[in-house]
Amino acid sequence: MNELDRFIRVSEVLLFTSFSRTTLWREMKAGRFPNSVQISAGRMAWRTSELAAWQKDPENWKSRR
């Protein structure tokens, strides 16, 4: 059985990356950082598995989508 992915919100992502909010959105738009997913009305989050993949090699990370 596969382990469930955890979702984390923007405040945790900013701590995880040390990005500013503006840099986070810029990197997502440029395709250099995992995109968020909508988990409910008005709530965006990131999958921990995608953040872990990005963390292993941020310079060469490519979106799986």
Protein backbone atom coordinates (compact mmCIF):
# COMPACT_ATOMS: atom_id res chain seq x y z
CA MET A 1 0.00 0.00 0.00
CA ASN A 2 1.27 3.48 -0.89
CA GLU A 3 1.80 5.98 1.86
CA LEU A 4 -0.59 8.93 1.78
CA ASP A 5 0.79 12.30 0.76
CA ARG A 6 0.54 15.12 3.25
CA PHE A 7 -0.56 18.57 2.13
CA ILE A 8 1.08 21.67 3.56
CA ARG A 9 -0.09 25.27 3.35
CA VAL A 10 1.76 28.31 2.10
CA SER A 11 3.07 29.36 5.53
CA GLU A 12 4.85 26.01 5.91
CA VAL A 13 6.16 26.12 2.33
CA LEU A 14 7.69 29.54 3.00
CA LEU A 15 9.47 28.16 6.08
CA PHE A 16 10.54 25.04 4.17
CA THR A 17 12.06 27.01 1.29
CA SER A 18 12.98 30.36 2.91
CA PHE A 19 11.36 32.00 -0.16
CA SER A 20 9.35 35.17 0.11
CA ARG A 21 5.72 34.89 -0.98
CA THR A 22 6.53 36.78 -4.20
CA THR A 23 9.47 34.51 -5.03
CA LEU A 24 7.35 31.41 -4.39
CA TRP A 25 4.71 32.51 -6.93
CA ARG A 26 7.39 33.60 -9.42
CA GLU A 27 9.14 30.22 -9.22
CA MET A 28 5.84 28.35 -9.63
CA LYS A 29 4.91 30.46 -12.66
CA ALA A 30 8.32 29.81 -14.24
CA GLY A 31 7.96 26.05 -13.69
CA ARG A 32 10.89 25.86 -11.28
CA PHE A 33 8.80 24.93 -8.23
CA PRO A 34 5.89 22.52 -7.70
CA ASN A 35 2.44 24.00 -8.27
CA SER A 36 -0.08 24.14 -5.48
CA VAL A 37 -3.32 22.19 -5.61
CA GLN A 38 -6.73 23.43 -4.53
CA ILE A 39 -7.88 21.34 -1.56
CA SER A 40 -11.11 23.26 -0.88
CA ALA A 41 -12.72 26.59 -1.71
CA GLY A 42 -10.06 29.22 -1.11
CA ARG A 43 -7.46 26.74 0.19
CA MET A 44 -4.28 25.91 -1.69
CA ALA A 45 -1.65 23.41 -0.55
CA TRP A 46 1.42 21.55 -1.78
CA ARG A 47 2.11 17.82 -1.74
CA THR A 48 5.05 16.91 0.47
CA SER A 49 6.24 14.32 -2.06
CA GLU A 50 6.64 17.02 -4.73
CA LEU A 51 8.43 19.33 -2.32
CA ALA A 52 10.80 16.51 -1.38
CA ALA A 53 11.56 15.84 -5.06
CA TRP A 54 12.25 19.55 -5.59
CA GLN A 55 14.46 19.70 -2.49
CA LYS A 56 16.70 16.88 -3.76
CA ASP A 57 17.74 18.91 -6.83
CA PRO A 58 16.12 22.35 -7.06
CA GLU A 59 18.21 23.50 -10.04
CA ASN A 60 17.19 20.55 -12.23
CA TRP A 61 13.69 19.87 -10.89
CA LYS A 62 10.99 19.31 -13.51
CA SER A 63 7.27 19.15 -12.91
CA ARG A 64 5.72 15.72 -13.34
CA ARG A 65 2.55 17.31 -14.75
